[in-house]
Amino acid sequence: MMVKEKEIIAEKDLVIGREILDEANLGKRLWLIVQEGEIHILRKSPFDAQKTLEELAGCLGQEAATAYDFHLKIGGLYEAR
């Protein structure tokens, strides 16, 4: 994709058309990140819980999670360090 620059003067609302979003391959679901002096528009991937479970399946093998030693030190009630 070719990088384009376009200077604008935003006196009212700034609207980015669908054509520009499609050109950037952003899709329909977007993240808008606003920081001082900049705005980022990112594609938001749809969260697929089933796919995530399939990716995690078998991570611990056949062992129970309690069989792993994570070297946590218990300092008090509900406290792990």
PDB file of N, CA and C in Angstrom:
ATOM      1  N   MET A   1       0.835  -1.178   0.000  1.00  0.00           N
ATOM      2  CA  MET A   1       0.000   0.000   0.000  1.00  0.00           C
ATOM      3  C   MET A   1       0.884   1.247   0.000  1.00  0.00           C
ATOM      4  N   MET A   2       0.510   2.214  -0.756  1.00  0.00           N
ATOM      5  CA  MET A   2       1.245   3.464  -0.847  1.00  0.00           C
ATOM      6  C   MET A   2       0.824   4.391   0.288  1.00  0.00           C
ATOM      7  N   VAL A   3       1.786   5.058   0.884  1.00  0.00           N
ATOM      8  CA  VAL A   3       1.502   6.005   1.958  1.00  0.00           C
ATOM      9  C   VAL A   3       1.019   7.301   1.344  1.00  0.00           C
ATOM     10  N   LYS A   4      -0.071   7.833   1.908  1.00  0.00           N
ATOM     11  CA  LYS A   4      -0.624   9.097   1.419  1.00  0.00           C
ATOM     12  C   LYS A   4      -0.635  10.105   2.559  1.00  0.00           C
ATOM     13  N   GLU A   5      -0.364  11.319   2.217  1.00  0.00           N
ATOM     14  CA  GLU A   5      -0.465  12.401   3.187  1.00  0.00           C
ATOM     15  C   GLU A   5      -1.453  13.422   2.666  1.00  0.00           C
ATOM     16  N   LYS A   6      -2.269  13.931   3.581  1.00  0.00           N
ATOM     17  CA  LYS A   6      -3.242  14.940   3.191  1.00  0.00           C
ATOM     18  C   LYS A   6      -3.409  15.899   4.361  1.00  0.00           C
ATOM     19  N   GLU A   7      -3.085  17.159   4.137  1.00  0.00           N
ATOM     20  CA  GLU A   7      -3.231  18.158   5.187  1.00  0.00           C
ATOM     21  C   GLU A   7      -4.655  18.695   5.151  1.00  0.00           C
ATOM     22  N   ILE A   8      -5.251  18.789   6.323  1.00  0.00           N
ATOM     23  CA  ILE A   8      -6.611  19.314   6.410  1.00  0.00           C
ATOM     24  C   ILE A   8      -6.691  20.331   7.543  1.00  0.00           C
ATOM     25  N   ILE A   9      -7.686  21.172   7.486  1.00  0.00           N
ATOM     26  CA  ILE A   9      -7.982  22.102   8.571  1.00  0.00           C
ATOM     27  C   ILE A   9      -9.328  21.663   9.138  1.00  0.00           C
ATOM     28  N   ALA A  10      -9.312  21.163  10.367  1.00  0.00           N
ATOM     29  CA  ALA A  10     -10.522  20.628  10.985  1.00  0.00           C
ATOM     30  C   ALA A  10     -11.197  21.725  11.803  1.00  0.00           C
ATOM     31  N   GLU A  11     -12.162  22.400  11.191  1.00  0.00           N
ATOM     32  CA  GLU A  11     -12.909  23.438  11.892  1.00  0.00           C
ATOM     33  C   GLU A  11     -14.135  22.860  12.594  1.00  0.00           C
ATOM     34  N   LYS A  12     -14.646  21.762  12.078  1.00  0.00           N
ATOM     35  CA  LYS A  12     -15.789  21.072  12.681  1.00  0.00           C
ATOM     36  C   LYS A  12     -15.389  19.620  12.891  1.00  0.00           C
ATOM     37  N   ASP A  13     -16.356  18.716  12.949  1.00  0.00           N
ATOM     38  CA  ASP A  13     -16.058  17.296  13.113  1.00  0.00           C
ATOM     39  C   ASP A  13     -15.227  16.777  11.952  1.00  0.00           C
ATOM     40  N   LEU A  14     -14.341  15.877  12.253  1.00  0.00           N
ATOM     41  CA  LEU A  14     -13.523  15.244  11.227  1.00  0.00           C
ATOM     42  C   LEU A  14     -14.108  13.863  10.960  1.00  0.00           C
ATOM     43  N   VAL A  15     -14.460  13.608   9.723  1.00  0.00           N
ATOM     44  CA  VAL A  15     -15.057  12.330   9.347  1.00  0.00           C
ATOM     45  C   VAL A  15     -14.116  11.636   8.371  1.00  0.00           C
ATOM     46  N   ILE A  16     -13.794  10.388   8.681  1.00  0.00           N
ATOM     47  CA  ILE A  16     -12.957   9.591   7.784  1.00  0.00           C
ATOM     48  C   ILE A  16     -13.880   8.642   7.042  1.00  0.00           C
ATOM     49  N   GLY A  17     -13.901   8.753   5.739  1.00  0.00           N
ATOM     50  CA  GLY A  17     -14.815   7.963   4.917  1.00  0.00           C
ATOM     51  C   GLY A  17     -14.456   6.487   4.857  1.00  0.00           C
ATOM     52  N   ARG A  18     -15.459   5.690   4.523  1.00  0.00           N
ATOM     53  CA  ARG A  18     -15.297   4.242   4.404  1.00  0.00           C
ATOM     54  C   ARG A  18     -14.223   3.880   3.377  1.00  0.00           C
ATOM     55  N   GLU A  19     -14.137   4.677   2.313  1.00  0.00           N
ATOM     56  CA  GLU A  19     -13.155   4.414   1.252  1.00  0.00           C
ATOM     57  C   GLU A  19     -11.727   4.448   1.810  1.00  0.00           C
ATOM     58  N   ILE A  20     -11.444   5.424   2.651  1.00  0.00           N
ATOM     59  CA  ILE A  20     -10.110   5.534   3.243  1.00  0.00           C
ATOM     60  C   ILE A  20      -9.865   4.387   4.210  1.00  0.00           C
ATOM     61  N   LEU A  21     -10.866   4.029   5.006  1.00  0.00           N
ATOM     62  CA  LEU A  21     -10.719   2.912   5.946  1.00  0.00           C
ATOM     63  C   LEU A  21     -10.491   1.601   5.201  1.00  0.00           C
ATOM     64  N   ASP A  22     -11.198   1.414   4.093  1.00  0.00           N
ATOM     65  CA  ASP A  22     -11.010   0.207   3.283  1.00  0.00           C
ATOM     66  C   ASP A  22      -9.618   0.184   2.645  1.00  0.00           C
ATOM     67  N   GLU A  23      -9.150   1.351   2.211  1.00  0.00           N
ATOM     68  CA  GLU A  23      -7.828   1.452   1.617  1.00  0.00           C
ATOM     69  C   GLU A  23      -6.743   1.033   2.614  1.00  0.00           C
ATOM     70  N   ALA A  24      -6.980   1.350   3.885  1.00  0.00           N
ATOM     71  CA  ALA A  24      -6.046   0.984   4.950  1.00  0.00           C
ATOM     72  C   ALA A  24      -6.288  -0.434   5.462  1.00  0.00           C
ATOM     73  N   ASN A  25      -7.289  -1.121   4.896  1.00  0.00           N
ATOM     74  CA  ASN A  25      -7.631  -2.491   5.295  1.00  0.00           C
ATOM     75  C   ASN A  25      -7.932  -2.586   6.794  1.00  0.00           C
ATOM     76  N   LEU A  26      -8.727  -1.643   7.288  1.00  0.00           N
ATOM     77  CA  LEU A  26      -9.057  -1.616   8.709  1.00  0.00           C
ATOM     78  C   LEU A  26     -10.315  -2.408   9.062  1.00  0.00           C
ATOM     79  N   GLY A  27     -11.155  -2.710   8.116  1.00  0.00           N
ATOM     80  CA  GLY A  27     -12.375  -3.444   8.424  1.00  0.00           C
ATOM     81  C   GLY A  27     -13.419  -2.550   9.065  1.00  0.00           C
ATOM     82  N   LYS A  28     -14.414  -3.177   9.681  1.00  0.00           N
ATOM     83  CA  LYS A  28     -15.528  -2.421  10.258  1.00  0.00           C
ATOM     84  C   LYS A  28     -15.384  -2.205  11.757  1.00  0.00           C
ATOM     85  N   ARG A  29     -14.709  -3.141  12.446  1.00  0.00           N
ATOM     86  CA  ARG A  29     -14.542  -3.019  13.899  1.00  0.00           C
ATOM     87  C   ARG A  29     -13.202  -2.343  14.168  1.00  0.00           C
ATOM     88  N   LEU A  30     -13.235  -1.208  14.884  1.00  0.00           N
ATOM     89  CA  LEU A  30     -12.037  -0.403  15.075  1.00  0.00           C
ATOM     90  C   LEU A  30     -11.790  -0.084  16.542  1.00  0.00           C
ATOM     91  N   TRP A  31     -10.523   0.103  16.881  1.00  0.00           N
ATOM     92  CA  TRP A  31     -10.096   0.659  18.161  1.00  0.00           C
ATOM     93  C   TRP A  31      -9.689   2.095  17.876  1.00  0.00           C
ATOM     94  N   LEU A  32     -10.124   3.021  18.669  1.00  0.00           N
ATOM     95  CA  LEU A  32      -9.717   4.410  18.550  1.00  0.00           C
ATOM     96  C   LEU A  32      -8.937   4.754  19.813  1.00  0.00           C
ATOM     97  N   ILE A  33      -7.650   5.047  19.660  1.00  0.00           N
ATOM     98  CA  ILE A  33      -6.789   5.359  20.799  1.00  0.00           C
ATOM     99  C   ILE A  33      -6.457   6.846  20.723  1.00  0.00           C
ATOM    100  N   VAL A  34      -6.854   7.577  21.745  1.00  0.00           N
ATOM    101  CA  VAL A  34      -6.667   9.021  21.759  1.00  0.00           C
ATOM    102  C   VAL A  34      -5.635   9.366  22.824  1.00  0.00           C
ATOM    103  N   GLN A  35      -4.568  10.032  22.399  1.00  0.00           N
ATOM    104  CA  GLN A  35      -3.535  10.513  23.311  1.00  0.00           C
ATOM    105  C   GLN A  35      -3.288  11.979  22.990  1.00  0.00           C
ATOM    106  N   GLU A  36      -2.647  12.670  23.882  1.00  0.00           N
ATOM    107  CA  GLU A  36      -2.379  14.087  23.635  1.00  0.00           C
ATOM    108  C   GLU A  36      -1.545  14.245  22.368  1.00  0.00           C
ATOM    109  N   GLY A  37      -2.075  14.957  21.411  1.00  0.00           N
ATOM    110  CA  GLY A  37      -1.369  15.241  20.177  1.00  0.00           C
ATOM    111  C   GLY A  37      -1.477  14.186  19.097  1.00  0.00           C
ATOM    112  N   GLU A  38      -2.187  13.089  19.362  1.00  0.00           N
ATOM    113  CA  GLU A  38      -2.304  12.050  18.333  1.00  0.00           C
ATOM    114  C   GLU A  38      -3.531  11.177  18.537  1.00  0.00           C
ATOM    115  N   ILE A  39      -4.003  10.623  17.439  1.00  0.00           N
ATOM    116  CA  ILE A  39      -5.122   9.678  17.446  1.00  0.00           C
ATOM    117  C   ILE A  39      -4.702   8.488  16.588  1.00  0.00           C
ATOM    118  N   HIS A  40      -4.871   7.280  17.115  1.00  0.00           N
ATOM    119  CA  HIS A  40      -4.558   6.066  16.366  1.00  0.00           C
ATOM    120  C   HIS A  40      -5.854   5.325  16.078  1.00  0.00           C
ATOM    121  N   ILE A  41      -5.999   4.840  14.865  1.00  0.00           N
ATOM    122  CA  ILE A  41      -7.140   4.014  14.494  1.00  0.00           C
ATOM    123  C   ILE A  41      -6.582   2.646  14.134  1.00  0.00           C
ATOM    124  N   LEU A  42      -7.013   1.624  14.865  1.00  0.00           N
ATOM    125  CA  LEU A  42      -6.513   0.268  14.672  1.00  0.00           C
ATOM    126  C   LEU A  42      -7.653  -0.692  14.404  1.00  0.00           C
ATOM    127  N   ARG A  43      -7.374  -1.737  13.668  1.00  0.00           N
ATOM    128  CA  ARG A  43      -8.363  -2.780  13.417  1.00  0.00           C
ATOM    129  C   ARG A  43      -8.560  -3.575  14.705  1.00  0.00           C
ATOM    130  N   LYS A  44      -9.800  -3.847  15.042  1.00  0.00           N
ATOM    131  CA  LYS A  44     -10.118  -4.660  16.216  1.00  0.00           C
ATOM    132  C   LYS A  44     -10.551  -6.035  15.733  1.00  0.00           C
ATOM    133  N   SER A  45      -9.788  -7.032  16.115  1.00  0.00           N
ATOM    134  CA  SER A  45     -10.132  -8.398  15.730  1.00  0.00           C
ATOM    135  C   SER A  45     -11.281  -8.892  16.597  1.00  0.00           C
ATOM    136  N   PRO A  46     -12.231  -9.559  16.006  1.00  0.00           N
ATOM    137  CA  PRO A  46     -13.316 -10.113  16.827  1.00  0.00           C
ATOM    138  C   PRO A  46     -12.765 -11.205  17.732  1.00  0.00           C
ATOM    139  N   PHE A  47     -13.188 -11.196  18.974  1.00  0.00           N
ATOM    140  CA  PHE A  47     -12.730 -12.182  19.948  1.00  0.00           C
ATOM    141  C   PHE A  47     -13.523 -13.468  19.762  1.00  0.00           C
ATOM    142  N   ASP A  48     -12.829 -14.550  19.543  1.00  0.00           N
ATOM    143  CA  ASP A  48     -13.465 -15.849  19.355  1.00  0.00           C
ATOM    144  C   ASP A  48     -13.065 -16.748  20.524  1.00  0.00           C
ATOM    145  N   ALA A  49     -13.961 -16.874  21.507  1.00  0.00           N
ATOM    146  CA  ALA A  49     -13.661 -17.640  22.714  1.00  0.00           C
ATOM    147  C   ALA A  49     -13.359 -19.101  22.393  1.00  0.00           C
ATOM    148  N   GLN A  50     -14.080 -19.690  21.483  1.00  0.00           N
ATOM    149  CA  GLN A  50     -13.862 -21.092  21.141  1.00  0.00           C
ATOM    150  C   GLN A  50     -12.472 -21.297  20.544  1.00  0.00           C
ATOM    151  N   LYS A  51     -12.051 -20.408  19.687  1.00  0.00           N
ATOM    152  CA  LYS A  51     -10.723 -20.508  19.081  1.00  0.00           C
ATOM    153  C   LYS A  51      -9.635 -20.397  20.150  1.00  0.00           C
ATOM    154  N   THR A  52      -9.829 -19.487  21.098  1.00  0.00           N
ATOM    155  CA  THR A  52      -8.866 -19.321  22.184  1.00  0.00           C
ATOM    156  C   THR A  52      -8.772 -20.585  23.021  1.00  0.00           C
ATOM    157  N   LEU A  53      -9.918 -21.202  23.331  1.00  0.00           N
ATOM    158  CA  LEU A  53      -9.910 -22.445  24.098  1.00  0.00           C
ATOM    159  C   LEU A  53      -9.184 -23.558  23.348  1.00  0.00           C
ATOM    160  N   GLU A  54      -9.380 -23.632  22.037  1.00  0.00           N
ATOM    161  CA  GLU A  54      -8.703 -24.646  21.241  1.00  0.00           C
ATOM    162  C   GLU A  54      -7.198 -24.421  21.230  1.00  0.00           C
ATOM    163  N   GLU A  55      -6.763 -23.157  21.191  1.00  0.00           N
ATOM    164  CA  GLU A  55      -5.341 -22.846  21.216  1.00  0.00           C
ATOM    165  C   GLU A  55      -4.719 -23.210  22.557  1.00  0.00           C
ATOM    166  N   LEU A  56      -5.480 -23.057  23.632  1.00  0.00           N
ATOM    167  CA  LEU A  56      -4.960 -23.340  24.968  1.00  0.00           C
ATOM    168  C   LEU A  56      -5.075 -24.810  25.365  1.00  0.00           C
ATOM    169  N   ALA A  57      -5.898 -25.551  24.640  1.00  0.00           N
ATOM    170  CA  ALA A  57      -6.123 -26.960  24.990  1.00  0.00           C
ATOM    171  C   ALA A  57      -4.796 -27.719  24.966  1.00  0.00           C
ATOM    172  N   GLY A  58      -4.538 -28.450  26.033  1.00  0.00           N
ATOM    173  CA  GLY A  58      -3.340 -29.267  26.102  1.00  0.00           C
ATOM    174  C   GLY A  58      -2.092 -28.529  26.553  1.00  0.00           C
ATOM    175  N   CYS A  59      -2.214 -27.248  26.889  1.00  0.00           N
ATOM    176  CA  CYS A  59      -1.033 -26.500  27.336  1.00  0.00           C
ATOM    177  C   CYS A  59      -0.391 -27.132  28.564  1.00  0.00           C
ATOM    178  N   LEU A  60      -1.206 -27.622  29.465  1.00  0.00           N
ATOM    179  CA  LEU A  60      -0.682 -28.252  30.675  1.00  0.00           C
ATOM    180  C   LEU A  60      -0.552 -29.761  30.519  1.00  0.00           C
ATOM    181  N   GLY A  61      -0.830 -30.264  29.359  1.00  0.00           N
ATOM    182  CA  GLY A  61      -0.767 -31.707  29.167  1.00  0.00           C
ATOM    183  C   GLY A  61      -1.885 -32.380  29.928  1.00  0.00           C
ATOM    184  N   GLN A  62      -1.604 -33.552  30.469  1.00  0.00           N
ATOM    185  CA  GLN A  62      -2.611 -34.302  31.219  1.00  0.00           C
ATOM    186  C   GLN A  62      -2.562 -34.009  32.713  1.00  0.00           C
ATOM    187  N   GLU A  63      -1.554 -33.239  33.145  1.00  0.00           N
ATOM    188  CA  GLU A  63      -1.412 -32.950  34.564  1.00  0.00           C
ATOM    189  C   GLU A  63      -2.428 -31.899  35.011  1.00  0.00           C
ATOM    190  N   ALA A  64      -2.784 -31.986  36.257  1.00  0.00           N
ATOM    191  CA  ALA A  64      -3.644 -30.947  36.836  1.00  0.00           C
ATOM    192  C   ALA A  64      -2.799 -29.704  37.059  1.00  0.00           C
ATOM    193  N   ALA A  65      -3.412 -28.539  37.051  1.00  0.00           N
ATOM    194  CA  ALA A  65      -2.679 -27.292  37.253  1.00  0.00           C
ATOM    195  C   ALA A  65      -1.972 -27.281  38.605  1.00  0.00           C
ATOM    196  N   THR A  66      -2.509 -27.990  39.596  1.00  0.00           N
ATOM    197  CA  THR A  66      -1.893 -28.023  40.926  1.00  0.00           C
ATOM    198  C   THR A  66      -0.592 -28.817  40.937  1.00  0.00           C
ATOM    199  N   ALA A  67      -0.301 -29.567  39.887  1.00  0.00           N
ATOM    200  CA  ALA A  67       0.933 -30.344  39.823  1.00  0.00           C
ATOM    201  C   ALA A  67       2.141 -29.467  39.492  1.00  0.00           C
ATOM    202  N   TYR A  68       1.917 -28.240  39.069  1.00  0.00           N
ATOM    203  CA  TYR A  68       3.015 -27.352  38.704  1.00  0.00           C
ATOM    204  C   TYR A  68       3.443 -26.511  39.895  1.00  0.00           C
ATOM    205  N   ASP A  69       4.755 -26.347  40.041  1.00  0.00           N
ATOM    206  CA  ASP A  69       5.315 -25.527  41.111  1.00  0.00           C
ATOM    207  C   ASP A  69       5.747 -24.201  40.496  1.00  0.00           C
ATOM    208  N   PHE A  70       5.036 -23.144  40.809  1.00  0.00           N
ATOM    209  CA  PHE A  70       5.359 -21.838  40.251  1.00  0.00           C
ATOM    210  C   PHE A  70       6.268 -21.032  41.178  1.00  0.00           C
ATOM    211  N   HIS A  71       6.811 -21.671  42.199  1.00  0.00           N
ATOM    212  CA  HIS A  71       7.742 -21.052  43.157  1.00  0.00           C
ATOM    213  C   HIS A  71       7.152 -19.814  43.809  1.00  0.00           C
ATOM    214  N   LEU A  72       5.882 -19.856  44.144  1.00  0.00           N
ATOM    215  CA  LEU A  72       5.239 -18.742  44.824  1.00  0.00           C
ATOM    216  C   LEU A  72       5.456 -18.873  46.317  1.00  0.00           C
ATOM    217  N   LYS A  73       5.728 -17.769  46.952  1.00  0.00           N
ATOM    218  CA  LYS A  73       5.885 -17.753  48.401  1.00  0.00           C
ATOM    219  C   LYS A  73       4.605 -17.176  48.985  1.00  0.00           C
ATOM    220  N   ILE A  74       4.027 -17.887  49.900  1.00  0.00           N
ATOM    221  CA  ILE A  74       2.795 -17.420  50.533  1.00  0.00           C
ATOM    222  C   ILE A  74       3.177 -16.599  51.743  1.00  0.00           C
ATOM    223  N   GLY A  75       2.793 -15.314  51.743  1.00  0.00           N
ATOM    224  CA  GLY A  75       3.160 -14.418  52.835  1.00  0.00           C
ATOM    225  C   GLY A  75       2.030 -14.217  53.816  1.00  0.00           C
ATOM    226  N   GLY A  76       0.837 -14.478  53.423  1.00  0.00           N
ATOM    227  CA  GLY A  76      -0.311 -14.270  54.296  1.00  0.00           C
ATOM    228  C   GLY A  76      -1.545 -14.737  53.584  1.00  0.00           C
ATOM    229  N   LEU A  77      -2.673 -14.538  54.204  1.00  0.00           N
ATOM    230  CA  LEU A  77      -3.935 -14.954  53.614  1.00  0.00           C
ATOM    231  C   LEU A  77      -4.148 -14.261  52.271  1.00  0.00           C
ATOM    232  N   TYR A  78      -4.372 -15.006  51.225  1.00  0.00           N
ATOM    233  CA  TYR A  78      -4.613 -14.503  49.876  1.00  0.00           C
ATOM    234  C   TYR A  78      -3.434 -13.733  49.280  1.00  0.00           C
ATOM    235  N   GLU A  79      -2.243 -13.995  49.753  1.00  0.00           N
ATOM    236  CA  GLU A  79      -1.093 -13.260  49.247  1.00  0.00           C
ATOM    237  C   GLU A  79      -0.059 -14.208  48.680  1.00  0.00           C
ATOM    238  N   ALA A  80       0.299 -13.979  47.465  1.00  0.00           N
ATOM    239  CA  ALA A  80       1.377 -14.763  46.844  1.00  0.00           C
ATOM    240  C   ALA A  80       2.421 -13.782  46.340  1.00  0.00           C
ATOM    241  N   ARG A  81       3.686 -14.096  46.611  1.00  0.00           N
ATOM    242  CA  ARG A  81       4.772 -13.207  46.172  1.00  0.00           C
ATOM    243  C   ARG A  81       5.688 -13.962  45.244  1.00  0.00           C
TER     244      ARG A  81
END
